[in-house]
Amino acid sequence: MAESVARCAFLKSLNCSIICYFERGRVATLTGFRDRKGREVLYRLLEMGLLVSDTPRGKVRLSFPTDAAEQWFPRLYPAATGA
């Protein structure tokens, strides 16, 4: 359940966070959730590495962790076929 909520919130915020930082307080607006749920989603996305921040209370931005690359960009880097 938490994974699906995080994915939904992440995809909703993707369009406006690719090239910019945004204030943590805007996460509820960006995701469409109320304040409390928006904060929960923010913390979960930070834990998953999908959002990052330079400081504990600073603005956040989108991140592309390597372990998520295959899921987000299937076949972007084809598996080695053995040599």
C-alpha atoms as a PDB file:
ATOM      1  CA  MET A   1       0.000   0.000   0.000  1.00  0.00           C
ATOM      2  CA  ALA A   2       2.720   2.467   0.974  1.00  0.00           C
ATOM      3  CA  GLU A   3       4.600   1.726  -2.242  1.00  0.00           C
ATOM      4  CA  SER A   4       1.532   2.437  -4.386  1.00  0.00           C
ATOM      5  CA  VAL A   5       0.805   5.682  -2.514  1.00  0.00           C
ATOM      6  CA  ALA A   6       4.408   6.748  -2.941  1.00  0.00           C
ATOM      7  CA  ARG A   7       4.382   5.901  -6.649  1.00  0.00           C
ATOM      8  CA  CYS A   8       1.117   7.765  -7.200  1.00  0.00           C
ATOM      9  CA  ALA A   9       2.365  10.839  -5.385  1.00  0.00           C
ATOM     10  CA  PHE A  10       5.693  10.658  -7.138  1.00  0.00           C
ATOM     11  CA  LEU A  11       4.111  10.493 -10.586  1.00  0.00           C
ATOM     12  CA  LYS A  12       1.775  13.378  -9.788  1.00  0.00           C
ATOM     13  CA  SER A  13       4.680  15.550  -8.696  1.00  0.00           C
ATOM     14  CA  LEU A  14       7.007  14.480 -11.500  1.00  0.00           C
ATOM     15  CA  ASN A  15       5.764  17.046 -14.001  1.00  0.00           C
ATOM     16  CA  CYS A  16       6.679  20.069 -11.878  1.00  0.00           C
ATOM     17  CA  SER A  17       9.746  18.835 -10.067  1.00  0.00           C
ATOM     18  CA  ILE A  18      12.020  17.550 -12.796  1.00  0.00           C
ATOM     19  CA  ILE A  19      13.955  20.773 -13.209  1.00  0.00           C
ATOM     20  CA  CYS A  20      13.265  22.595  -9.986  1.00  0.00           C
ATOM     21  CA  TYR A  21      13.410  22.373  -6.243  1.00  0.00           C
ATOM     22  CA  PHE A  22      10.196  22.856  -4.343  1.00  0.00           C
ATOM     23  CA  GLU A  23       9.337  23.681  -0.757  1.00  0.00           C
ATOM     24  CA  ARG A  24       8.419  20.724   1.430  1.00  0.00           C
ATOM     25  CA  GLY A  25       5.149  22.442   2.298  1.00  0.00           C
ATOM     26  CA  ARG A  26       4.036  22.206  -1.329  1.00  0.00           C
ATOM     27  CA  VAL A  27       4.042  18.419  -1.376  1.00  0.00           C
ATOM     28  CA  ALA A  28       0.392  18.222  -0.293  1.00  0.00           C
ATOM     29  CA  THR A  29      -0.612  20.479  -3.178  1.00  0.00           C
ATOM     30  CA  LEU A  30       1.558  18.627  -5.680  1.00  0.00           C
ATOM     31  CA  THR A  31       0.250  15.199  -4.687  1.00  0.00           C
ATOM     32  CA  GLY A  32      -3.367  16.120  -4.082  1.00  0.00           C
ATOM     33  CA  PHE A  33      -3.286  14.686  -0.546  1.00  0.00           C
ATOM     34  CA  ARG A  34      -4.186  16.578   2.621  1.00  0.00           C
ATOM     35  CA  ASP A  35      -1.375  17.980   4.787  1.00  0.00           C
ATOM     36  CA  ARG A  36      -0.784  14.974   7.039  1.00  0.00           C
ATOM     37  CA  LYS A  37      -0.873  12.402   4.225  1.00  0.00           C
ATOM     38  CA  GLY A  38       1.228  14.729   2.066  1.00  0.00           C
ATOM     39  CA  ARG A  39       3.916  14.806   4.768  1.00  0.00           C
ATOM     40  CA  GLU A  40       3.789  11.017   5.088  1.00  0.00           C
ATOM     41  CA  VAL A  41       4.275  10.692   1.345  1.00  0.00           C
ATOM     42  CA  LEU A  42       7.119  13.224   1.414  1.00  0.00           C
ATOM     43  CA  TYR A  43       8.968  11.306   4.135  1.00  0.00           C
ATOM     44  CA  ARG A  44       8.422   8.002   2.343  1.00  0.00           C
ATOM     45  CA  LEU A  45       9.728   9.418  -0.955  1.00  0.00           C
ATOM     46  CA  LEU A  46      12.771  10.792   0.876  1.00  0.00           C
ATOM     47  CA  GLU A  47      13.361   7.382   2.493  1.00  0.00           C
ATOM     48  CA  MET A  48      13.091   5.678  -0.906  1.00  0.00           C
ATOM     49  CA  GLY A  49      15.529   8.161  -2.436  1.00  0.00           C
ATOM     50  CA  LEU A  50      12.980   9.404  -4.982  1.00  0.00           C
ATOM     51  CA  LEU A  51      13.253  12.889  -3.536  1.00  0.00           C
ATOM     52  CA  VAL A  52      16.421  14.406  -2.074  1.00  0.00           C
ATOM     53  CA  SER A  53      17.310  17.534  -0.148  1.00  0.00           C
ATOM     54  CA  ASP A  54      20.584  19.248   0.704  1.00  0.00           C
ATOM     55  CA  THR A  55      19.446  19.942   4.267  1.00  0.00           C
ATOM     56  CA  PRO A  56      16.960  18.306   6.677  1.00  0.00           C
ATOM     57  CA  ARG A  57      14.442  21.123   6.241  1.00  0.00           C
ATOM     58  CA  GLY A  58      15.438  22.452   2.849  1.00  0.00           C
ATOM     59  CA  LYS A  59      13.765  22.300  -0.514  1.00  0.00           C
ATOM     60  CA  VAL A  60      13.464  18.920  -2.188  1.00  0.00           C
ATOM     61  CA  ARG A  61      14.037  17.791  -5.751  1.00  0.00           C
ATOM     62  CA  LEU A  62      13.454  14.709  -7.825  1.00  0.00           C
ATOM     63  CA  SER A  63      16.113  12.005  -7.737  1.00  0.00           C
ATOM     64  CA  PHE A  64      16.709   9.001  -9.978  1.00  0.00           C
ATOM     65  CA  PRO A  65      18.227   6.271  -7.796  1.00  0.00           C
ATOM     66  CA  THR A  66      20.004   3.577  -9.778  1.00  0.00           C
ATOM     67  CA  ASP A  67      17.967   0.765  -8.232  1.00  0.00           C
ATOM     68  CA  ALA A  68      14.787   2.298  -9.697  1.00  0.00           C
ATOM     69  CA  ALA A  69      16.149   2.810 -13.220  1.00  0.00           C
ATOM     70  CA  GLU A  70      14.912  -0.503 -14.635  1.00  0.00           C
ATOM     71  CA  GLN A  71      11.398   0.060 -13.310  1.00  0.00           C
ATOM     72  CA  TRP A  72      11.138   3.658 -14.528  1.00  0.00           C
ATOM     73  CA  PHE A  73      13.035   3.237 -17.780  1.00  0.00           C
ATOM     74  CA  PRO A  74      12.624  -0.370 -18.925  1.00  0.00           C
ATOM     75  CA  ARG A  75      15.198  -1.550 -21.437  1.00  0.00           C
ATOM     76  CA  LEU A  76      17.107   1.732 -21.253  1.00  0.00           C
ATOM     77  CA  TYR A  77      20.211  -0.251 -20.364  1.00  0.00           C
ATOM     78  CA  PRO A  78      19.770  -3.776 -21.775  1.00  0.00           C
ATOM     79  CA  ALA A  79      21.121  -6.579 -19.609  1.00  0.00           C
ATOM     80  CA  ALA A  80      24.499  -7.935 -20.631  1.00  0.00           C
ATOM     81  CA  THR A  81      24.127 -10.934 -22.927  1.00  0.00           C
ATOM     82  CA  GLY A  82      27.299 -12.615 -21.737  1.00  0.00           C
ATOM     83  CA  ALA A  83      30.562 -12.475 -23.601  1.00  0.00           C
END
